[in-house]
């Protein structure tokens, strides 16, 4: 299949490479010449514009920074430029309203579209083990599933347009809350005289067990390898967690929900980012919770 891939950042680059590995012909675009060069090394055909990338495409996959850019790229460079009948897959994490607006515009222009944000991070993007939460019609999902499966291990239909974004924002709000709670528990355990490894051995098999502890432990040398073992470099940047929490709270407000824990998590991550930690892994917040 000929696929256009728009957005070759930390996540998109690995995703595009896995489409090539799956046997697809990938025409790729990014504003970064360095990202385009890496894509070429992985077997993609670099393009100078989005319009060039989508020419002749049977599917268009995008991985972009925010809703405003997604809206602009699709309205100006994809709709009407990609062949009629091409499937559109936006894997960016954006607000629900924009996802539904762009999907509606795509339908009016004669395209099927899904919102398919991901969970798993940079390592999973490179390894092809992402989880995709997909919003769109059943027919669009059926067409999108084999493409997404080439980039991930789990592909779940969440519902109609926007449902994928809703699932992603709820999930990442919960992740932000869990990470802060896990960090506080480790800090408290140490202050009470417990060895961190001993506390991990107990809590990881008890009722306090959660992903932030057992798969992404915020303390170096405890549990499986995580960004904590690399001085909190790489992984999921604090700025991205803050972005997702902000989007989640906006969605909650629209839905008439008052997530007290989500609000507090956002406050803590906002302060952490403003203190110069925006580029560090979000688990580094443990340094402030002792």
C-alpha atoms as a PDB file:
ATOM      1  CA  UNK A   1       0.000   0.000   0.000  1.00  0.00           C
ATOM      2  CA  UNK A   2       1.211   3.543  -0.695  1.00  0.00           C
ATOM      3  CA  UNK A   3       1.045   5.539   2.532  1.00  0.00           C
ATOM      4  CA  UNK A   4       1.817   9.193   3.195  1.00  0.00           C
ATOM      5  CA  UNK A   5       3.255   9.871   6.653  1.00  0.00           C
ATOM      6  CA  UNK A   6       3.124  13.433   7.976  1.00  0.00           C
ATOM      7  CA  UNK A   7       5.178  14.246  11.087  1.00  0.00           C
ATOM      8  CA  UNK A   8       8.422  12.373  11.745  1.00  0.00           C
ATOM      9  CA  UNK A   9       9.286  13.387  15.302  1.00  0.00           C
ATOM     10  CA  UNK A  10      10.308  11.076  18.145  1.00  0.00           C
ATOM     11  CA  UNK A  11       7.142   9.018  17.698  1.00  0.00           C
ATOM     12  CA  UNK A  12       6.365   9.435  14.012  1.00  0.00           C
ATOM     13  CA  UNK A  13       9.829   8.466  12.809  1.00  0.00           C
ATOM     14  CA  UNK A  14       9.649   5.030  14.386  1.00  0.00           C
ATOM     15  CA  UNK A  15       6.070   4.513  13.275  1.00  0.00           C
ATOM     16  CA  UNK A  16       6.873   5.331   9.645  1.00  0.00           C
ATOM     17  CA  UNK A  17       9.855   2.975   9.747  1.00  0.00           C
ATOM     18  CA  UNK A  18       7.628   0.131  10.919  1.00  0.00           C
ATOM     19  CA  UNK A  19       5.232   0.716   8.025  1.00  0.00           C
ATOM     20  CA  UNK A  20       8.189   0.270   5.681  1.00  0.00           C
ATOM     21  CA  UNK A  21       9.179  -2.922   7.511  1.00  0.00           C
ATOM     22  CA  UNK A  22       5.631  -4.197   6.990  1.00  0.00           C
ATOM     23  CA  UNK A  23       6.076  -3.826   3.246  1.00  0.00           C
ATOM     24  CA  UNK A  24       4.325  -0.519   2.624  1.00  0.00           C
ATOM     25  CA  UNK A  25       5.661   2.225   0.364  1.00  0.00           C
ATOM     26  CA  UNK A  26       5.921   5.319   2.576  1.00  0.00           C
ATOM     27  CA  UNK A  27       6.200   8.881   1.278  1.00  0.00           C
ATOM     28  CA  UNK A  28       7.176  11.009   4.280  1.00  0.00           C
ATOM     29  CA  UNK A  29       7.119  14.700   5.157  1.00  0.00           C
ATOM     30  CA  UNK A  30       8.415  16.733   8.079  1.00  0.00           C
ATOM     31  CA  UNK A  31       9.585  20.327   8.488  1.00  0.00           C
ATOM     32  CA  UNK A  32      12.874  19.006   9.908  1.00  0.00           C
ATOM     33  CA  UNK A  33      15.529  18.094   7.353  1.00  0.00           C
ATOM     34  CA  UNK A  34      17.169  15.890   9.997  1.00  0.00           C
ATOM     35  CA  UNK A  35      13.931  13.955  10.531  1.00  0.00           C
ATOM     36  CA  UNK A  36      13.531  13.510   6.781  1.00  0.00           C
ATOM     37  CA  UNK A  37      17.079  12.188   6.542  1.00  0.00           C
ATOM     38  CA  UNK A  38      16.404   9.619   9.264  1.00  0.00           C
ATOM     39  CA  UNK A  39      13.207   8.595   7.488  1.00  0.00           C
ATOM     40  CA  UNK A  40      15.113   8.098   4.250  1.00  0.00           C
ATOM     41  CA  UNK A  41      17.588   5.863   6.083  1.00  0.00           C
ATOM     42  CA  UNK A  42      14.678   3.710   7.279  1.00  0.00           C
ATOM     43  CA  UNK A  43      13.366   3.278   3.734  1.00  0.00           C
ATOM     44  CA  UNK A  44      10.850   6.113   3.423  1.00  0.00           C
ATOM     45  CA  UNK A  45      10.770   8.412   0.411  1.00  0.00           C
ATOM     46  CA  UNK A  46      11.283  11.973   1.713  1.00  0.00           C
ATOM     47  CA  UNK A  47       9.007  14.650   0.253  1.00  0.00           C
ATOM     48  CA  UNK A  48       9.373  18.429   0.203  1.00  0.00           C
ATOM     49  CA  UNK A  49       5.702  19.203   0.908  1.00  0.00           C
ATOM     50  CA  UNK A  50       2.621  17.535   2.349  1.00  0.00           C
ATOM     51  CA  UNK A  51       0.961  17.791  -1.068  1.00  0.00           C
ATOM     52  CA  UNK A  52       3.838  15.844  -2.608  1.00  0.00           C
ATOM     53  CA  UNK A  53       3.634  13.192   0.123  1.00  0.00           C
ATOM     54  CA  UNK A  54      -0.112  12.588  -0.278  1.00  0.00           C
ATOM     55  CA  UNK A  55       0.008  12.395  -4.065  1.00  0.00           C
ATOM     56  CA  UNK A  56      -1.254   8.944  -5.035  1.00  0.00           C
ATOM     57  CA  UNK A  57      -1.607   7.848  -1.398  1.00  0.00           C
ATOM     58  CA  UNK A  58      -4.063   5.119  -0.466  1.00  0.00           C
ATOM     59  CA  UNK A  59      -3.770   6.168   3.187  1.00  0.00           C
ATOM     60  CA  UNK A  60      -2.461   9.232   5.036  1.00  0.00           C
ATOM     61  CA  UNK A  61      -1.067   8.906   8.564  1.00  0.00           C
ATOM     62  CA  UNK A  62      -0.259  11.981  10.645  1.00  0.00           C
ATOM     63  CA  UNK A  63       1.584  12.419  13.953  1.00  0.00           C
ATOM     64  CA  UNK A  64       1.549  16.141  14.740  1.00  0.00           C
ATOM     65  CA  UNK A  65       2.120  18.339  17.830  1.00  0.00           C
ATOM     66  CA  UNK A  66      -1.319  19.863  18.450  1.00  0.00           C
ATOM     67  CA  UNK A  67      -4.874  20.340  17.247  1.00  0.00           C
ATOM     68  CA  UNK A  68      -4.255  23.644  15.488  1.00  0.00           C
ATOM     69  CA  UNK A  69      -1.560  22.069  13.312  1.00  0.00           C
ATOM     70  CA  UNK A  70      -3.692  19.000  12.615  1.00  0.00           C
ATOM     71  CA  UNK A  71      -6.593  21.205  11.525  1.00  0.00           C
ATOM     72  CA  UNK A  72      -4.358  23.348   9.333  1.00  0.00           C
ATOM     73  CA  UNK A  73      -2.566  20.423   7.650  1.00  0.00           C
ATOM     74  CA  UNK A  74      -5.753  18.552   6.822  1.00  0.00           C
ATOM     75  CA  UNK A  75      -7.777  21.557   5.664  1.00  0.00           C
ATOM     76  CA  UNK A  76      -4.994  23.094   3.558  1.00  0.00           C
ATOM     77  CA  UNK A  77      -2.777  20.224   2.475  1.00  0.00           C
ATOM     78  CA  UNK A  78      -4.627  16.895   2.641  1.00  0.00           C
ATOM     79  CA  UNK A  79      -8.332  17.315   1.888  1.00  0.00           C
ATOM     80  CA  UNK A  80      -8.702  17.683  -1.842  1.00  0.00           C
ATOM     81  CA  UNK A  81      -5.020  16.885  -2.387  1.00  0.00           C
ATOM     82  CA  UNK A  82      -5.003  13.201  -1.416  1.00  0.00           C
ATOM     83  CA  UNK A  83      -6.790  10.904  -3.895  1.00  0.00           C
ATOM     84  CA  UNK A  84     -10.527  10.445  -3.454  1.00  0.00           C
ATOM     85  CA  UNK A  85     -11.112   7.384  -1.310  1.00  0.00           C
ATOM     86  CA  UNK A  86      -7.833   7.629   0.607  1.00  0.00           C
ATOM     87  CA  UNK A  87      -8.123   6.665   4.271  1.00  0.00           C
ATOM     88  CA  UNK A  88      -7.001   9.326   6.763  1.00  0.00           C
ATOM     89  CA  UNK A  89      -5.513   8.341  10.118  1.00  0.00           C
ATOM     90  CA  UNK A  90      -4.523  11.011  12.642  1.00  0.00           C
ATOM     91  CA  UNK A  91      -2.413   9.548  15.445  1.00  0.00           C
ATOM     92  CA  UNK A  92      -1.711  12.892  17.148  1.00  0.00           C
ATOM     93  CA  UNK A  93      -2.946  13.585  20.675  1.00  0.00           C
ATOM     94  CA  UNK A  94      -5.317  16.564  20.359  1.00  0.00           C
ATOM     95  CA  UNK A  95      -8.546  17.886  21.850  1.00  0.00           C
ATOM     96  CA  UNK A  96     -11.725  15.937  21.203  1.00  0.00           C
ATOM     97  CA  UNK A  97     -13.542  18.863  19.597  1.00  0.00           C
ATOM     98  CA  UNK A  98     -10.855  19.392  16.955  1.00  0.00           C
ATOM     99  CA  UNK A  99     -10.689  15.668  16.214  1.00  0.00           C
ATOM    100  CA  UNK A 100     -14.433  15.627  15.547  1.00  0.00           C
ATOM    101  CA  UNK A 101     -14.279  18.836  13.502  1.00  0.00           C
ATOM    102  CA  UNK A 102     -11.495  17.548  11.242  1.00  0.00           C
ATOM    103  CA  UNK A 103     -13.223  14.185  10.812  1.00  0.00           C
ATOM    104  CA  UNK A 104     -16.448  15.966   9.864  1.00  0.00           C
ATOM    105  CA  UNK A 105     -14.631  18.051   7.260  1.00  0.00           C
ATOM    106  CA  UNK A 106     -13.019  14.896   5.908  1.00  0.00           C
ATOM    107  CA  UNK A 107     -16.393  13.183   5.556  1.00  0.00           C
ATOM    108  CA  UNK A 108     -17.829  16.187   3.738  1.00  0.00           C
ATOM    109  CA  UNK A 109     -14.864  16.037   1.343  1.00  0.00           C
ATOM    110  CA  UNK A 110     -15.507  12.334   0.707  1.00  0.00           C
ATOM    111  CA  UNK A 111     -12.828  10.757   2.893  1.00  0.00           C
ATOM    112  CA  UNK A 112     -13.055   8.189   5.678  1.00  0.00           C
ATOM    113  CA  UNK A 113     -11.052   9.223   8.752  1.00  0.00           C
ATOM    114  CA  UNK A 114     -10.126   7.879  12.166  1.00  0.00           C
ATOM    115  CA  UNK A 115      -8.514   9.499  15.195  1.00  0.00           C
ATOM    116  CA  UNK A 116      -5.998   6.994  16.535  1.00  0.00           C
ATOM    117  CA  UNK A 117      -3.840   8.408  19.357  1.00  0.00           C
ATOM    118  CA  UNK A 118      -1.246   6.096  20.852  1.00  0.00           C
ATOM    119  CA  UNK A 119       0.039   4.861  24.173  1.00  0.00           C
ATOM    120  CA  UNK A 120       3.494   3.407  24.704  1.00  0.00           C
ATOM    121  CA  UNK A 121       6.104   6.106  24.168  1.00  0.00           C
ATOM    122  CA  UNK A 122       9.180   6.411  21.965  1.00  0.00           C
ATOM    123  CA  UNK A 123      10.544   2.914  22.615  1.00  0.00           C
ATOM    124  CA  UNK A 124       7.218   1.313  21.701  1.00  0.00           C
ATOM    125  CA  UNK A 125       6.959   3.470  18.575  1.00  0.00           C
ATOM    126  CA  UNK A 126      10.327   2.168  17.420  1.00  0.00           C
ATOM    127  CA  UNK A 127       9.569  -1.430  18.441  1.00  0.00           C
ATOM    128  CA  UNK A 128       6.120  -1.453  16.853  1.00  0.00           C
ATOM    129  CA  UNK A 129       4.388  -2.254  20.143  1.00  0.00           C
ATOM    130  CA  UNK A 130       2.136   0.794  20.536  1.00  0.00           C
ATOM    131  CA  UNK A 131      -1.474   0.694  21.674  1.00  0.00           C
ATOM    132  CA  UNK A 132      -3.917   2.543  19.401  1.00  0.00           C
ATOM    133  CA  UNK A 133      -7.235   3.916  20.676  1.00  0.00           C
ATOM    134  CA  UNK A 134      -9.362   4.491  17.596  1.00  0.00           C
ATOM    135  CA  UNK A 135     -12.370   6.727  16.969  1.00  0.00           C
ATOM    136  CA  UNK A 136     -14.389   6.515  13.765  1.00  0.00           C
ATOM    137  CA  UNK A 137     -17.028   4.480  11.972  1.00  0.00           C
ATOM    138  CA  UNK A 138     -16.879   0.687  11.982  1.00  0.00           C
ATOM    139  CA  UNK A 139     -16.036   0.670   8.284  1.00  0.00           C
ATOM    140  CA  UNK A 140     -13.223   3.213   8.724  1.00  0.00           C
ATOM    141  CA  UNK A 141     -11.854   1.225  11.667  1.00  0.00           C
ATOM    142  CA  UNK A 142     -11.874  -1.987   9.625  1.00  0.00           C
ATOM    143  CA  UNK A 143      -9.792  -0.272   6.950  1.00  0.00           C
ATOM    144  CA  UNK A 144      -7.454   1.352   9.482  1.00  0.00           C
ATOM    145  CA  UNK A 145      -6.827  -1.697  11.673  1.00  0.00           C
ATOM    146  CA  UNK A 146      -4.249  -3.488   9.465  1.00  0.00           C
ATOM    147  CA  UNK A 147      -2.298  -0.262   8.953  1.00  0.00           C
ATOM    148  CA  UNK A 148      -2.226   0.465  12.681  1.00  0.00           C
ATOM    149  CA  UNK A 149      -1.363  -3.165  13.469  1.00  0.00           C
ATOM    150  CA  UNK A 150       1.863  -2.711  11.508  1.00  0.00           C
ATOM    151  CA  UNK A 151       2.862  -0.067  14.068  1.00  0.00           C
ATOM    152  CA  UNK A 152       1.459  -1.539  17.280  1.00  0.00           C
ATOM    153  CA  UNK A 153       0.493  -4.651  19.189  1.00  0.00           C
ATOM    154  CA  UNK A 154      -2.969  -3.514  20.316  1.00  0.00           C
ATOM    155  CA  UNK A 155      -5.614  -1.729  18.231  1.00  0.00           C
ATOM    156  CA  UNK A 156      -8.947  -0.991  19.963  1.00  0.00           C
ATOM    157  CA  UNK A 157     -12.048   0.617  18.469  1.00  0.00           C
ATOM    158  CA  UNK A 158     -13.184   3.109  21.100  1.00  0.00           C
ATOM    159  CA  UNK A 159     -16.281   4.427  19.283  1.00  0.00           C
ATOM    160  CA  UNK A 160     -17.216   7.184  16.855  1.00  0.00           C
ATOM    161  CA  UNK A 161     -15.023  10.130  15.827  1.00  0.00           C
ATOM    162  CA  UNK A 162     -13.295  11.690  18.831  1.00  0.00           C
ATOM    163  CA  UNK A 163     -13.617   8.572  20.993  1.00  0.00           C
ATOM    164  CA  UNK A 164      -9.960   7.681  20.480  1.00  0.00           C
ATOM    165  CA  UNK A 165      -8.905  11.083  21.781  1.00  0.00           C
ATOM    166  CA  UNK A 166     -11.314  10.807  24.716  1.00  0.00           C
ATOM    167  CA  UNK A 167      -9.814   7.442  25.680  1.00  0.00           C
ATOM    168  CA  UNK A 168      -6.252   8.770  25.378  1.00  0.00           C
ATOM    169  CA  UNK A 169      -6.928  11.824  27.541  1.00  0.00           C
ATOM    170  CA  UNK A 170      -8.695   9.822  30.260  1.00  0.00           C
ATOM    171  CA  UNK A 171      -5.867   7.271  30.239  1.00  0.00           C
ATOM    172  CA  UNK A 172      -3.106   9.849  30.480  1.00  0.00           C
ATOM    173  CA  UNK A 173      -4.844  11.806  33.215  1.00  0.00           C
ATOM    174  CA  UNK A 174      -4.926   8.568  35.187  1.00  0.00           C
ATOM    175  CA  UNK A 175      -1.240   7.981  34.375  1.00  0.00           C
ATOM    176  CA  UNK A 176      -0.283  11.432  35.668  1.00  0.00           C
ATOM    177  CA  UNK A 177      -2.197  10.817  38.892  1.00  0.00           C
ATOM    178  CA  UNK A 178      -0.703   7.326  39.327  1.00  0.00           C
ATOM    179  CA  UNK A 179       2.855   8.549  38.804  1.00  0.00           C
ATOM    180  CA  UNK A 180       2.532  11.256  41.441  1.00  0.00           C
ATOM    181  CA  UNK A 181       1.001   8.798  43.905  1.00  0.00           C
ATOM    182  CA  UNK A 182       3.749   6.264  43.201  1.00  0.00           C
ATOM    183  CA  UNK A 183       6.450   8.903  43.715  1.00  0.00           C
ATOM    184  CA  UNK A 184       4.895  10.026  47.001  1.00  0.00           C
ATOM    185  CA  UNK A 185       4.663   6.436  48.222  1.00  0.00           C
ATOM    186  CA  UNK A 186       8.336   5.737  47.478  1.00  0.00           C
ATOM    187  CA  UNK A 187       9.385   8.993  49.157  1.00  0.00           C
ATOM    188  CA  UNK A 188       7.289   8.198  52.216  1.00  0.00           C
ATOM    189  CA  UNK A 189       8.590   4.626  52.385  1.00  0.00           C
ATOM    190  CA  UNK A 190      12.183   5.875  52.436  1.00  0.00           C
ATOM    191  CA  UNK A 191      11.424   8.463  55.136  1.00  0.00           C
ATOM    192  CA  UNK A 192       9.916   5.662  57.209  1.00  0.00           C
ATOM    193  CA  UNK A 193      13.099   3.621  56.870  1.00  0.00           C
ATOM    194  CA  UNK A 194      12.005   1.150  54.184  1.00  0.00           C
ATOM    195  CA  UNK A 195      14.503   0.081  51.542  1.00  0.00           C
ATOM    196  CA  UNK A 196      13.115   1.151  48.099  1.00  0.00           C
ATOM    197  CA  UNK A 197      13.653  -2.309  46.591  1.00  0.00           C
ATOM    198  CA  UNK A 198      11.901  -3.952  49.529  1.00  0.00           C
ATOM    199  CA  UNK A 199       8.961  -1.576  49.195  1.00  0.00           C
ATOM    200  CA  UNK A 200       8.842  -2.308  45.456  1.00  0.00           C
ATOM    201  CA  UNK A 201       8.886  -6.065  46.099  1.00  0.00           C
ATOM    202  CA  UNK A 202       5.916  -5.682  48.435  1.00  0.00           C
ATOM    203  CA  UNK A 203       3.800  -3.086  46.655  1.00  0.00           C
ATOM    204  CA  UNK A 204       4.341  -4.462  43.143  1.00  0.00           C
ATOM    205  CA  UNK A 205       2.465  -7.625  44.152  1.00  0.00           C
ATOM    206  CA  UNK A 206      -0.018  -5.962  46.488  1.00  0.00           C
ATOM    207  CA  UNK A 207      -3.028  -3.683  46.129  1.00  0.00           C
ATOM    208  CA  UNK A 208      -0.853  -0.619  45.425  1.00  0.00           C
ATOM    209  CA  UNK A 209       0.468  -2.155  42.210  1.00  0.00           C
ATOM    210  CA  UNK A 210       0.192   0.067  39.123  1.00  0.00           C
ATOM    211  CA  UNK A 211       1.963   0.593  35.779  1.00  0.00           C
ATOM    212  CA  UNK A 212       3.984   3.570  37.046  1.00  0.00           C
ATOM    213  CA  UNK A 213       5.540   1.276  39.623  1.00  0.00           C
ATOM    214  CA  UNK A 214       5.961  -2.062  37.865  1.00  0.00           C
ATOM    215  CA  UNK A 215       6.758  -0.915  34.314  1.00  0.00           C
ATOM    216  CA  UNK A 216       8.100   2.636  34.758  1.00  0.00           C
ATOM    217  CA  UNK A 217       9.485   2.854  38.275  1.00  0.00           C
ATOM    218  CA  UNK A 218      10.508   6.448  39.106  1.00  0.00           C
ATOM    219  CA  UNK A 219      13.537   5.354  41.183  1.00  0.00           C
ATOM    220  CA  UNK A 220      16.813   4.260  39.540  1.00  0.00           C
ATOM    221  CA  UNK A 221      17.896   0.699  40.168  1.00  0.00           C
ATOM    222  CA  UNK A 222      14.423  -0.467  41.176  1.00  0.00           C
ATOM    223  CA  UNK A 223      12.178  -2.545  38.923  1.00  0.00           C
ATOM    224  CA  UNK A 224      12.633  -2.890  35.141  1.00  0.00           C
ATOM    225  CA  UNK A 225      14.817  -0.471  33.186  1.00  0.00           C
ATOM    226  CA  UNK A 226      13.141   2.950  32.971  1.00  0.00           C
ATOM    227  CA  UNK A 227      14.136   6.591  32.274  1.00  0.00           C
ATOM    228  CA  UNK A 228      15.023   6.873  35.968  1.00  0.00           C
ATOM    229  CA  UNK A 229      18.025   4.673  35.148  1.00  0.00           C
ATOM    230  CA  UNK A 230      19.100   7.188  32.495  1.00  0.00           C
ATOM    231  CA  UNK A 231      18.984  10.312  34.665  1.00  0.00           C
ATOM    232  CA  UNK A 232      15.357  10.827  33.579  1.00  0.00           C
ATOM    233  CA  UNK A 233      16.316  11.468  29.967  1.00  0.00           C
ATOM    234  CA  UNK A 234      14.222  10.137  27.098  1.00  0.00           C
ATOM    235  CA  UNK A 235      10.867   8.547  27.773  1.00  0.00           C
ATOM    236  CA  UNK A 236       7.768  10.739  28.114  1.00  0.00           C
ATOM    237  CA  UNK A 237       8.672  14.403  28.538  1.00  0.00           C
ATOM    238  CA  UNK A 238       7.084  16.412  31.344  1.00  0.00           C
ATOM    239  CA  UNK A 239       5.919  18.961  28.736  1.00  0.00           C
ATOM    240  CA  UNK A 240       3.930  16.224  26.990  1.00  0.00           C
ATOM    241  CA  UNK A 241       2.342  15.055  30.235  1.00  0.00           C
ATOM    242  CA  UNK A 242       1.395  18.648  30.997  1.00  0.00           C
ATOM    243  CA  UNK A 243      -0.079  19.012  27.506  1.00  0.00           C
ATOM    244  CA  UNK A 244      -2.190  15.860  27.948  1.00  0.00           C
ATOM    245  CA  UNK A 245      -3.384  16.874  31.402  1.00  0.00           C
ATOM    246  CA  UNK A 246      -4.384  20.293  30.053  1.00  0.00           C
ATOM    247  CA  UNK A 247      -6.338  18.676  27.206  1.00  0.00           C
ATOM    248  CA  UNK A 248      -7.940  16.235  29.642  1.00  0.00           C
ATOM    249  CA  UNK A 249      -9.114  19.013  31.967  1.00  0.00           C
ATOM    250  CA  UNK A 250     -10.546  20.960  29.017  1.00  0.00           C
ATOM    251  CA  UNK A 251     -12.472  17.855  27.956  1.00  0.00           C
ATOM    252  CA  UNK A 252     -13.644  17.326  31.547  1.00  0.00           C
ATOM    253  CA  UNK A 253     -14.948  20.892  31.718  1.00  0.00           C
ATOM    254  CA  UNK A 254     -16.871  20.427  28.470  1.00  0.00           C
ATOM    255  CA  UNK A 255     -18.386  17.238  29.872  1.00  0.00           C
ATOM    256  CA  UNK A 256     -19.316  18.858  33.198  1.00  0.00           C
ATOM    257  CA  UNK A 257     -16.838  16.766  35.184  1.00  0.00           C
ATOM    258  CA  UNK A 258     -14.713  18.111  38.054  1.00  0.00           C
ATOM    259  CA  UNK A 259     -11.611  15.850  38.348  1.00  0.00           C
ATOM    260  CA  UNK A 260      -9.986  17.066  41.568  1.00  0.00           C
ATOM    261  CA  UNK A 261      -7.039  14.675  41.341  1.00  0.00           C
ATOM    262  CA  UNK A 262      -6.480  15.513  37.683  1.00  0.00           C
ATOM    263  CA  UNK A 263      -6.414  19.225  38.521  1.00  0.00           C
ATOM    264  CA  UNK A 264      -3.882  18.689  41.290  1.00  0.00           C
ATOM    265  CA  UNK A 265      -1.690  16.558  39.020  1.00  0.00           C
ATOM    266  CA  UNK A 266      -1.710  19.329  36.438  1.00  0.00           C
ATOM    267  CA  UNK A 267      -0.734  21.921  39.047  1.00  0.00           C
ATOM    268  CA  UNK A 268       2.214  19.811  40.152  1.00  0.00           C
ATOM    269  CA  UNK A 269       3.420  19.103  36.623  1.00  0.00           C
ATOM    270  CA  UNK A 270       3.001  22.739  35.624  1.00  0.00           C
ATOM    271  CA  UNK A 271       5.214  23.846  38.523  1.00  0.00           C
ATOM    272  CA  UNK A 272       7.729  21.100  37.711  1.00  0.00           C
ATOM    273  CA  UNK A 273       7.910  22.153  34.053  1.00  0.00           C
ATOM    274  CA  UNK A 274       8.268  25.838  34.936  1.00  0.00           C
ATOM    275  CA  UNK A 275      11.186  24.966  37.203  1.00  0.00           C
ATOM    276  CA  UNK A 276      13.194  23.922  34.140  1.00  0.00           C
ATOM    277  CA  UNK A 277      12.129  20.296  33.848  1.00  0.00           C
ATOM    278  CA  UNK A 278       9.878  20.410  30.779  1.00  0.00           C
ATOM    279  CA  UNK A 279      12.236  18.255  28.721  1.00  0.00           C
ATOM    280  CA  UNK A 280      12.890  15.658  31.419  1.00  0.00           C
ATOM    281  CA  UNK A 281      10.889  12.467  31.822  1.00  0.00           C
ATOM    282  CA  UNK A 282       7.686  12.980  33.782  1.00  0.00           C
ATOM    283  CA  UNK A 283       8.776  10.464  36.434  1.00  0.00           C
ATOM    284  CA  UNK A 284      11.529  12.891  37.501  1.00  0.00           C
ATOM    285  CA  UNK A 285       8.840  14.699  39.489  1.00  0.00           C
ATOM    286  CA  UNK A 286       9.783  12.320  42.310  1.00  0.00           C
ATOM    287  CA  UNK A 287      12.628  14.759  43.062  1.00  0.00           C
ATOM    288  CA  UNK A 288      10.088  17.306  44.291  1.00  0.00           C
ATOM    289  CA  UNK A 289       7.802  15.001  46.276  1.00  0.00           C
ATOM    290  CA  UNK A 290      10.119  13.834  49.011  1.00  0.00           C
END
